[in-house]
Amino acid sequence: MTMTEPRRPPPIPLTILTGFLGAGKTSLLNRLLASPDLTDTLVLINEFGEVGIDHLLVENVEGDMIVMSSGCICCSIRGDLVAALEDALRKLDNGRIRPFHRVMLETTGLADPAPILHTIMSHPYLALRYRLDGVVTLVDAVNGAATLDAHEEAVKQAAVADRLVITKTDLPEGAARLEALDTRLARLNPAARRLIAATGEANPAALLDCGLYDASGKIPQVAKWLNDEAVAAAHEAHHHHHDHDHHHGHAHQDVNRHDAHIRAFCVASDAPLSPQAFDMFVEILRQAHGPHLLRVKGIVGLADDRERPVAVHGVQHVFHPPHRLASWPDADRRTRLVFIVKDIDPSFIEKLYAAVADIPAPDTPDAAALQDNPLAPKNAGLLG
């Protein structure tokens, strides 16, 4: 008789709900939890400081709720987040908690989402049992522009989002400021779908299952996940705008000091990479600019198996282990990488990719020279 290991359950989708103070996260969470689509959802709520009032605003829901009360989730309580997620799994596996099939994590208004993403993506056990479904960022139409002007954290929350939910447009001030805010968010993060809360657009169908896989976990939703066409169009528009202003001597008066540091662009190529070349590309990026890689998502064609591309996802210096897809999801067989970065010239990444892919490019360093780069990996990397 052959003993077989028990089959590991599919990873549980986890949605991060973030947004600056007063953006309406708890109100949206209440509305979402009232939907049948969020039945059997585990809710993690982080409180700010020692004043435990946030969770009192959440209506009673059927199921289990964990209230984390150790402070700001972006710094000291990361260990508590790991403990809470691990404890939930232990209770689930031991039958001490009602089965849950989704996790919603509401952060504090001051939270930088990047460390939370690091925790979920880099912890060996959590990365097996949970999968990041998406980052949903709320922006208040009344105060959103002023908040983005004043707080770099708010800009980063918007920049890393998969969905941007604009709230308070039902108020006269919010309605009057919507168009300018929407334009600003589109420039800041063209990859994210923008939704208006007051019209009902911010519903479960629009906010959930916005990762690489749909609810079945089987069909890769690459086009929806990357939204690379929107990113490429926005990048091209930025170039035209910049060239026009430069030619006519106009200053960029409409770009806020925080926004100006953020760039979104796409690198696409028909040429497949060797696994070693792709490892070198990622390692050089991580070591040279890791803290400034706010979000990296992509599908990569590799020379070792051209029929089965690799999906990659990174946040700053942390990259999730690449996942080999069963096949290309559609007729587009190009490598497509979407970058949202802070204080990085896109041409550096574009030229670096051209070099490791051995694609001719103006002023691109020779690929062989990169092999001697001290930042190049000396050992097996992501795909080694």
Protein backbone atom coordinates (compact mmCIF):
# COMPACT_ATOMS: atom_id res chain seq x y z
CA MET A 1 0.00 0.00 0.00
CA THR A 2 1.43 3.33 -1.05
CA MET A 3 1.13 6.20 1.37
CA THR A 4 0.30 9.52 -0.25
CA GLU A 5 0.60 12.95 1.26
CA PRO A 6 -2.66 14.74 1.95
CA ARG A 7 -3.48 17.19 -0.80
CA ARG A 8 -2.85 20.79 0.21
CA PRO A 9 -5.98 22.93 -0.08
CA PRO A 10 -5.93 25.72 -2.67
CA PRO A 11 -4.57 29.01 -1.35
CA ILE A 12 -7.13 31.35 0.19
CA PRO A 13 -7.56 34.70 -1.61
CA LEU A 14 -6.68 37.72 0.53
CA THR A 15 -7.78 41.28 -0.27
CA ILE A 16 -6.10 44.30 1.29
CA LEU A 17 -8.46 47.23 1.86
CA THR A 18 -6.54 50.45 2.36
CA GLY A 19 -6.97 54.19 2.04
CA PHE A 20 -6.17 57.30 4.02
CA LEU A 21 -7.95 58.36 7.21
CA GLY A 22 -11.63 59.11 6.63
CA ALA A 23 -11.77 57.62 3.14
CA GLY A 24 -14.64 55.31 4.08
CA LYS A 25 -12.97 51.89 4.39
CA THR A 26 -15.22 50.65 7.19
CA SER A 27 -18.39 51.76 5.40
CA LEU A 28 -17.33 49.95 2.24
CA LEU A 29 -16.36 46.86 4.22
CA ASN A 30 -19.81 46.81 5.82
CA ARG A 31 -21.49 46.94 2.41
CA LEU A 32 -19.27 44.20 1.03
CA LEU A 33 -19.87 41.91 4.00
CA ALA A 34 -23.62 42.19 3.45
CA SER A 35 -23.22 40.53 0.06
CA PRO A 36 -23.61 36.75 -0.40
CA ASP A 37 -20.33 36.86 -2.33
CA LEU A 38 -18.51 37.42 0.96
CA THR A 39 -20.16 34.63 2.91
CA ASP A 40 -17.51 32.71 4.87
CA THR A 41 -15.07 35.60 4.78
CA LEU A 42 -12.56 36.10 7.58
CA VAL A 43 -12.09 39.79 8.39
CA LEU A 44 -8.88 41.18 9.86
CA ILE A 45 -9.19 44.73 11.16
CA ASN A 46 -6.28 46.79 12.34
CA GLU A 47 -6.84 49.55 14.86
CA PHE A 48 -4.79 52.68 15.13
CA GLY A 49 -2.89 53.01 18.41
CA GLU A 50 -4.65 51.87 21.55
CA VAL A 51 -8.01 53.45 20.83
CA GLY A 52 -10.08 50.44 19.91
CA ILE A 53 -12.95 52.10 18.12
CA ASP A 54 -12.58 51.05 14.48
CA HIS A 55 -13.96 47.57 15.02
CA LEU A 56 -16.94 48.96 16.94
CA LEU A 57 -18.09 50.57 13.70
CA VAL A 58 -18.27 47.21 11.96
CA GLU A 59 -21.68 45.64 12.20
CA ASN A 60 -22.01 42.12 13.56
CA VAL A 61 -21.57 39.59 10.78
CA GLU A 62 -22.00 35.87 10.72
CA GLY A 63 -18.61 34.23 10.90
CA ASP A 64 -15.38 35.03 12.66
CA MET A 65 -13.66 38.36 13.07
CA ILE A 66 -10.18 38.94 14.39
CA VAL A 67 -9.46 42.40 15.73
CA MET A 68 -5.78 43.26 15.84
CA SER A 69 -5.07 46.01 18.34
CA SER A 70 -1.31 46.32 18.50
CA GLY A 71 -0.82 49.51 16.57
CA CYS A 72 0.03 50.50 13.01
CA ILE A 73 0.16 47.54 10.70
CA CYS A 74 2.84 49.10 8.54
CA CYS A 75 5.58 48.70 11.12
CA SER A 76 5.64 46.96 14.50
CA ILE A 77 2.63 44.73 14.12
CA ARG A 78 3.80 42.82 11.07
CA GLY A 79 4.66 40.02 13.46
CA ASP A 80 1.10 40.19 14.79
CA LEU A 81 -0.22 39.94 11.25
CA VAL A 82 1.76 36.76 10.69
CA ALA A 83 0.53 35.40 14.01
CA ALA A 84 -3.09 36.24 13.20
CA LEU A 85 -2.94 34.63 9.76
CA GLU A 86 -1.16 31.54 11.11
CA ASP A 87 -3.58 31.24 14.03
CA ALA A 88 -6.53 31.42 11.66
CA LEU A 89 -5.07 28.56 9.63
CA ARG A 90 -4.46 26.43 12.71
CA LYS A 91 -8.05 26.92 13.84
CA LEU A 92 -9.28 26.19 10.33
CA ASP A 93 -7.23 23.01 10.00
CA ASN A 94 -8.27 21.82 13.48
CA GLY A 95 -11.94 22.57 12.97
CA ARG A 96 -11.97 25.20 15.73
CA ILE A 97 -13.20 27.94 13.40
CA ARG A 98 -15.92 27.91 10.80
CA PRO A 99 -14.42 27.34 7.33
CA PHE A 100 -13.54 30.57 5.57
CA HIS A 101 -12.80 30.91 1.87
CA ARG A 102 -11.62 34.51 1.68
CA VAL A 103 -9.79 37.04 3.87
CA MET A 104 -10.38 40.80 3.95
CA LEU A 105 -7.67 42.84 5.69
CA GLU A 106 -8.53 46.45 6.50
CA THR A 107 -5.43 48.52 7.25
CA THR A 108 -5.11 51.76 9.15
CA GLY A 109 -5.28 54.98 7.18
CA LEU A 110 -1.58 55.60 7.77
CA ALA A 111 -0.43 52.22 6.48
CA ASP A 112 2.08 51.73 3.72
CA PRO A 113 0.77 48.60 1.95
CA ALA A 114 4.24 47.43 0.85
CA PRO A 115 5.29 45.76 4.15
CA ILE A 116 1.94 43.96 4.29
CA LEU A 117 2.48 42.69 0.77
CA HIS A 118 6.01 41.63 1.77
CA THR A 119 4.59 39.61 4.66
CA ILE A 120 2.09 37.74 2.52
CA MET A 121 4.45 37.14 -0.39
CA SER A 122 7.67 36.25 1.40
CA HIS A 123 6.58 34.20 4.42
CA PRO A 124 7.13 30.56 3.34
CA TYR A 125 4.02 29.10 4.97
CA LEU A 126 1.67 32.02 4.37
CA ALA A 127 2.66 32.14 0.70
CA LEU A 128 1.52 28.51 0.39
CA ARG A 129 -1.81 28.96 2.15
CA TYR A 130 -2.84 32.48 1.08
CA ARG A 131 -2.68 34.27 -2.26
CA LEU A 132 -2.85 38.00 -2.72
CA ASP A 133 -6.05 38.66 -4.63
CA GLY A 134 -5.68 42.41 -4.81
CA VAL A 135 -5.13 45.78 -3.18
CA VAL A 136 -8.23 47.99 -3.00
CA THR A 137 -7.46 51.64 -2.20
CA LEU A 138 -10.14 54.16 -1.27
CA VAL A 139 -9.68 57.85 -2.09
CA ASP A 140 -11.99 60.53 -0.69
CA ALA A 141 -13.17 62.87 -3.47
CA VAL A 142 -13.64 65.77 -1.03
CA ASN A 143 -10.21 65.63 0.61
CA GLY A 144 -8.34 63.26 -1.72
CA ALA A 145 -6.32 65.84 -3.66
CA ALA A 146 -5.20 67.60 -0.48
CA THR A 147 -4.33 64.25 1.11
CA LEU A 148 -2.25 63.22 -1.90
CA ASP A 149 -0.52 66.60 -1.78
CA ALA A 150 0.36 66.32 1.88
CA HIS A 151 1.05 62.62 2.48
CA GLU A 152 3.42 60.43 0.50
CA GLU A 153 1.81 57.36 2.11
CA ALA A 154 -1.46 58.21 0.37
CA VAL A 155 0.31 58.42 -2.99
CA LYS A 156 1.90 55.01 -2.43
CA GLN A 157 -1.48 53.54 -1.44
CA ALA A 158 -2.89 54.71 -4.76
CA ALA A 159 0.17 53.68 -6.75
CA VAL A 160 0.16 50.02 -5.65
CA ALA A 161 -3.61 49.51 -5.95
CA ASP A 162 -5.33 47.01 -8.23
CA ARG A 163 -8.63 48.88 -7.74
CA LEU A 164 -9.11 52.55 -6.86
CA VAL A 165 -12.45 53.39 -5.23
CA ILE A 166 -13.40 57.07 -5.19
CA THR A 167 -15.74 57.87 -2.30
CA LYS A 168 -17.91 60.83 -1.24
CA THR A 169 -18.86 61.88 -4.76
CA ASP A 170 -22.46 62.09 -3.51
CA LEU A 171 -21.44 65.24 -1.62
CA PRO A 172 -21.45 68.52 -3.60
CA GLU A 173 -17.76 69.17 -2.92
CA GLY A 174 -16.83 65.64 -3.94
CA ALA A 175 -18.83 65.80 -7.17
CA ALA A 176 -17.17 69.10 -8.08
CA ARG A 177 -13.68 67.68 -7.52
CA LEU A 178 -14.22 64.26 -9.09
CA GLU A 179 -12.97 64.97 -12.61
CA ALA A 180 -9.65 66.43 -11.48
CA LEU A 181 -9.09 63.63 -8.95
CA ASP A 182 -9.96 60.94 -11.48
CA THR A 183 -7.48 62.40 -13.97
CA ARG A 184 -4.79 62.52 -11.32
CA LEU A 185 -5.35 58.92 -10.23
CA ALA A 186 -5.34 57.74 -13.85
CA ARG A 187 -1.94 59.36 -14.32
CA LEU A 188 -0.62 58.02 -11.02
CA ASN A 189 -1.74 54.41 -11.54
CA PRO A 190 -3.14 53.69 -15.01
CA ALA A 191 -3.11 49.93 -14.34
CA ALA A 192 -5.79 50.20 -11.64
CA ARG A 193 -9.48 50.21 -12.51
CA ARG A 194 -11.19 53.26 -11.00
CA LEU A 195 -14.65 52.87 -9.45
CA ILE A 196 -17.18 55.30 -7.97
CA ALA A 197 -18.54 54.08 -4.64
CA ALA A 198 -21.72 56.19 -4.68
CA THR A 199 -22.95 54.65 -7.94
CA GLY A 200 -22.55 51.09 -6.72
CA GLU A 201 -19.54 50.35 -8.92
CA ALA A 202 -17.50 49.24 -5.89
CA ASN A 203 -19.29 45.91 -5.60
CA PRO A 204 -17.87 42.42 -4.98
CA ALA A 205 -17.83 41.56 -8.69
CA ALA A 206 -15.58 44.55 -9.38
CA LEU A 207 -13.37 44.33 -6.30
CA LEU A 208 -12.84 40.60 -5.80
CA ASP A 209 -10.94 38.12 -7.94
CA CYS A 210 -8.81 40.87 -9.46
CA GLY A 211 -5.61 38.85 -9.22
CA LEU A 212 -4.12 36.52 -11.79
CA TYR A 213 -6.79 33.87 -11.24
CA ASP A 214 -10.56 33.98 -11.08
CA ALA A 215 -12.63 32.42 -8.32
CA SER A 216 -12.09 28.91 -9.72
CA GLY A 217 -8.34 29.38 -9.44
CA LYS A 218 -7.79 27.71 -12.79
CA ILE A 219 -8.08 30.28 -15.57
CA PRO A 220 -5.34 32.93 -15.70
CA GLN A 221 -6.86 36.37 -16.18
CA VAL A 222 -3.67 37.90 -17.53
CA ALA A 223 -5.17 40.81 -19.50
CA LYS A 224 -7.35 41.93 -16.58
CA TRP A 225 -4.51 41.44 -14.08
CA LEU A 226 -1.86 43.36 -16.01
CA ASN A 227 -3.98 45.98 -17.80
CA ASP A 228 -0.78 46.60 -19.72
CA GLU A 229 -2.50 48.35 -22.64
CA ALA A 230 -3.75 51.11 -20.33
CA VAL A 231 -0.30 51.45 -18.79
CA ALA A 232 1.38 51.65 -22.20
CA ALA A 233 -1.13 54.27 -23.39
CA ALA A 234 -0.60 56.38 -20.27
CA HIS A 235 3.17 56.13 -20.62
CA GLU A 236 2.96 57.24 -24.25
CA ALA A 237 0.70 60.15 -23.28
CA HIS A 238 3.21 61.15 -20.60
CA HIS A 239 5.98 61.23 -23.22
CA HIS A 240 3.91 63.40 -25.57
CA HIS A 241 2.99 65.75 -22.71
CA HIS A 242 6.60 65.97 -21.54
CA ASP A 243 7.94 66.54 -25.06
CA HIS A 244 5.32 69.24 -25.73
CA ASP A 245 6.11 71.08 -22.50
CA HIS A 246 9.84 70.78 -23.08
CA HIS A 247 9.51 72.10 -26.63
CA HIS A 248 7.36 75.04 -25.57
CA GLY A 249 9.18 75.74 -22.32
CA HIS A 250 6.23 74.90 -20.08
CA ALA A 251 6.78 73.85 -16.49
CA HIS A 252 4.91 70.88 -15.01
CA GLN A 253 2.73 72.92 -12.72
CA ASP A 254 0.01 70.26 -12.66
CA VAL A 255 2.16 67.48 -11.22
CA ASN A 256 2.33 67.34 -7.44
CA ARG A 257 5.69 66.92 -5.76
CA HIS A 258 4.80 63.39 -4.59
CA ASP A 259 3.12 62.30 -7.83
CA ALA A 260 6.11 63.38 -9.90
CA HIS A 261 8.20 60.64 -8.29
CA ILE A 262 5.84 57.87 -9.43
CA ARG A 263 5.97 56.37 -12.93
CA ALA A 264 3.96 53.54 -14.49
CA PHE A 265 5.09 51.88 -17.71
CA CYS A 266 5.20 48.57 -19.53
CA VAL A 267 8.10 46.61 -21.05
CA ALA A 268 7.04 44.24 -23.85
CA SER A 269 9.10 41.98 -26.08
CA ASP A 270 8.64 39.15 -28.55
CA ALA A 271 12.04 37.70 -27.69
CA PRO A 272 12.05 34.87 -25.11
CA LEU A 273 14.59 35.06 -22.30
CA SER A 274 16.67 32.27 -20.87
CA PRO A 275 15.84 31.58 -17.21
CA GLN A 276 19.36 32.73 -16.31
CA ALA A 277 18.92 36.03 -18.16
CA PHE A 278 15.61 36.69 -16.45
CA ASP A 279 17.16 35.91 -13.06
CA MET A 280 19.91 38.40 -13.80
CA PHE A 281 17.38 41.04 -14.86
CA VAL A 282 15.38 40.66 -11.63
CA GLU A 283 18.46 40.48 -9.40
CA ILE A 284 20.01 43.64 -10.84
CA LEU A 285 16.70 45.46 -10.41
CA ARG A 286 16.31 44.28 -6.83
CA GLN A 287 19.81 45.22 -5.78
CA ALA A 288 19.98 48.51 -7.67
CA HIS A 289 16.46 49.84 -7.08
CA GLY A 290 14.61 47.42 -4.78
CA PRO A 291 12.98 49.98 -2.44
CA HIS A 292 11.67 51.93 -5.44
CA LEU A 293 9.93 49.03 -7.21
CA LEU A 294 6.46 49.68 -5.83
CA ARG A 295 4.79 46.97 -7.91
CA VAL A 296 5.97 44.66 -10.69
CA LYS A 297 3.58 42.30 -12.48
CA GLY A 298 4.11 40.37 -15.65
CA ILE A 299 3.98 37.33 -17.87
CA VAL A 300 7.35 36.25 -19.25
CA GLY A 301 8.20 33.97 -22.16
CA LEU A 302 11.23 31.82 -21.38
CA ALA A 303 13.41 30.00 -23.86
CA ASP A 304 13.42 26.71 -21.92
CA ASP A 305 9.67 26.20 -22.48
CA ARG A 306 8.14 28.65 -24.93
CA GLU A 307 4.66 27.14 -24.61
CA ARG A 308 4.45 27.69 -20.85
CA PRO A 309 5.13 31.29 -19.75
CA VAL A 310 5.91 32.38 -16.22
CA ALA A 311 3.82 34.81 -14.17
CA VAL A 312 5.86 37.09 -11.90
CA HIS A 313 4.84 39.50 -9.16
CA GLY A 314 7.11 41.70 -7.08
CA VAL A 315 6.83 44.43 -4.46
CA GLN A 316 10.03 46.37 -3.85
CA HIS A 317 12.82 43.81 -3.32
CA VAL A 318 10.46 40.90 -2.65
CA PHE A 319 9.36 38.76 -5.58
CA HIS A 320 6.85 35.97 -5.25
CA PRO A 321 8.20 32.64 -6.57
CA PRO A 322 7.45 32.66 -10.31
CA HIS A 323 4.50 30.51 -11.32
CA ARG A 324 4.66 28.50 -14.53
CA LEU A 325 1.35 28.70 -16.40
CA ALA A 326 0.00 25.66 -18.22
CA SER A 327 -0.10 27.65 -21.49
CA TRP A 328 -0.34 31.15 -22.90
CA PRO A 329 -3.77 32.49 -21.93
CA ASP A 330 -4.44 34.05 -25.34
CA ALA A 331 -2.91 34.70 -28.74
CA ASP A 332 -0.57 37.39 -27.39
CA ARG A 333 2.69 35.58 -26.70
CA ARG A 334 4.81 38.59 -25.86
CA THR A 335 6.58 39.08 -22.59
CA ARG A 336 4.74 41.90 -20.83
CA LEU A 337 6.00 43.47 -17.61
CA VAL A 338 4.14 46.29 -15.87
CA PHE A 339 6.16 48.51 -13.54
CA ILE A 340 5.01 51.11 -11.03
CA VAL A 341 8.14 52.72 -9.66
CA LYS A 342 9.34 55.62 -7.55
CA ASP A 343 12.32 57.71 -8.61
CA ILE A 344 13.46 55.32 -11.36
CA ASP A 345 13.98 56.42 -14.94
CA PRO A 346 12.00 53.94 -17.08
CA SER A 347 14.81 53.96 -19.64
CA PHE A 348 17.09 52.21 -17.13
CA ILE A 349 14.73 49.23 -16.90
CA GLU A 350 13.98 49.26 -20.63
CA LYS A 351 17.69 49.24 -21.51
CA LEU A 352 18.47 46.63 -18.89
CA TYR A 353 15.83 44.30 -20.30
CA ALA A 354 17.07 44.90 -23.85
CA ALA A 355 20.59 44.04 -22.73
CA VAL A 356 19.76 40.75 -21.02
CA ALA A 357 17.41 39.79 -23.88
CA ASP A 358 20.13 40.71 -26.41
CA ILE A 359 17.76 43.08 -28.20
CA PRO A 360 19.40 45.99 -30.05
CA ALA A 361 18.53 49.28 -28.43
CA PRO A 362 20.03 52.78 -28.66
CA ASP A 363 22.57 53.44 -25.92
CA THR A 364 21.89 50.02 -24.38
CA PRO A 365 24.81 48.51 -22.49
CA ASP A 366 26.18 45.36 -24.06
CA ALA A 367 24.64 42.18 -22.63
CA ALA A 368 28.07 40.66 -22.13
CA ALA A 369 29.08 43.64 -20.02
CA LEU A 370 26.15 42.97 -17.73
CA GLN A 371 27.49 39.48 -17.12
CA ASP A 372 30.43 41.15 -15.41
CA ASN A 373 28.23 43.51 -13.43
CA PRO A 374 28.90 43.09 -9.69
CA LEU A 375 25.14 43.19 -9.12
CA ALA A 376 24.56 40.16 -11.34
CA PRO A 377 23.59 37.01 -9.39
CA LYS A 378 26.39 34.59 -8.65
CA ASN A 379 24.07 31.71 -7.67
CA ALA A 380 20.85 30.25 -8.95
CA GLY A 381 18.09 32.81 -8.76
CA LEU A 382 14.33 32.87 -9.02
CA LEU A 383 14.21 30.29 -11.78
CA GLY A 384 17.51 28.52 -11.17
